Amino acid sequence: MASLNMNGPFGFTSDEIDDLVAGERMGNYALGEMRADTFIAQYVGRSNADLKRRLILGYPKFKFSYADSAEME
């Protein structure tokens, strides 16, 4: 499997993003958590225009639902 050669992990805050990520550059990102000394990615995404804007602004709203089981219906 090819590596994306990502930097980090860093804290997912507006200040960290502003300090570390250049504007108006496309790129890939992974959101997750540390377990022991290992970064566990829980979401992987891409911005084809402005990675910094995607990370800082994200999406203004979200929706969710609970599931009764892990089975697909």
Protein backbone atom coordinates (compact mmCIF):
# COMPACT_ATOMS: atom_id res chain seq x y z
CA MET A 1 0.00 0.00 0.00
CA ALA A 2 1.33 3.46 -0.90
CA SER A 3 2.04 5.92 1.91
CA LEU A 4 0.63 9.45 1.95
CA ASN A 5 3.67 10.64 3.96
CA MET A 6 1.53 12.64 6.37
CA ASN A 7 2.99 14.90 9.05
CA GLY A 8 1.79 14.68 12.63
CA PRO A 9 -0.22 13.84 14.58
CA PHE A 10 -1.12 17.31 15.81
CA GLY A 11 -3.90 18.67 18.00
CA PHE A 12 -7.09 19.27 15.97
CA THR A 13 -7.56 22.94 16.90
CA SER A 14 -7.95 26.08 14.81
CA ASP A 15 -4.67 27.42 16.23
CA GLU A 16 -2.69 24.27 15.31
CA ILE A 17 -4.19 24.18 11.82
CA ASP A 18 -3.52 27.88 11.29
CA ASP A 19 0.11 27.52 12.43
CA LEU A 20 0.94 24.32 10.52
CA VAL A 21 -1.13 24.09 7.33
CA ALA A 22 -0.52 26.35 4.33
CA GLY A 23 -3.57 27.89 2.68
CA GLU A 24 -4.73 27.30 -0.88
CA ARG A 25 -2.99 23.92 -1.18
CA MET A 26 -4.72 20.62 -1.98
CA GLY A 27 -4.01 17.67 0.25
CA ASN A 28 -5.08 14.67 2.31
CA TYR A 29 -5.94 14.45 5.99
CA ALA A 30 -6.68 11.85 8.63
CA LEU A 31 -8.67 12.46 11.82
CA GLY A 32 -8.22 10.09 14.72
CA GLU A 33 -6.72 9.44 18.12
CA MET A 34 -3.57 8.14 19.74
CA ARG A 35 -3.56 4.71 21.38
CA ALA A 36 -0.27 4.09 23.14
CA ASP A 37 2.25 5.34 20.56
CA THR A 38 0.08 4.60 17.49
CA PHE A 39 -2.17 7.00 15.55
CA ILE A 40 -5.49 5.33 14.79
CA ALA A 41 -7.22 7.01 11.82
CA GLN A 42 -10.99 7.16 12.16
CA TYR A 43 -11.72 9.35 9.13
CA VAL A 44 -9.63 10.02 6.03
CA GLY A 45 -10.45 12.83 3.63
CA ARG A 46 -9.11 15.00 0.84
CA SER A 47 -9.38 18.59 -0.31
CA ASN A 48 -8.89 19.28 -4.01
CA ALA A 49 -8.68 23.04 -3.48
CA ASP A 50 -7.77 24.28 0.02
CA LEU A 51 -6.82 21.79 2.72
CA LYS A 52 -6.53 24.47 5.43
CA ARG A 53 -10.02 25.80 4.74
CA ARG A 54 -11.48 22.27 4.76
CA LEU A 55 -9.90 21.53 8.13
CA ILE A 56 -10.76 24.84 9.79
CA LEU A 57 -14.26 25.28 8.44
CA GLY A 58 -15.26 21.66 8.04
CA TYR A 59 -18.99 21.54 7.57
CA PRO A 60 -21.37 23.85 9.42
CA LYS A 61 -23.93 21.17 10.34
CA PHE A 62 -24.09 17.44 10.88
CA LYS A 63 -26.74 14.74 11.19
CA PHE A 64 -26.63 11.40 12.94
CA SER A 65 -28.72 8.43 13.91
CA TYR A 66 -28.29 5.60 16.38
CA ALA A 67 -28.15 1.99 15.26
CA ASP A 68 -29.68 -1.04 16.92
CA SER A 69 -27.03 -3.36 15.48
CA ALA A 70 -24.00 -3.45 13.20
CA GLU A 71 -25.95 -5.37 10.54
CA MET A 72 -26.84 -3.61 7.30
CA GLU A 73 -30.58 -3.31 6.73
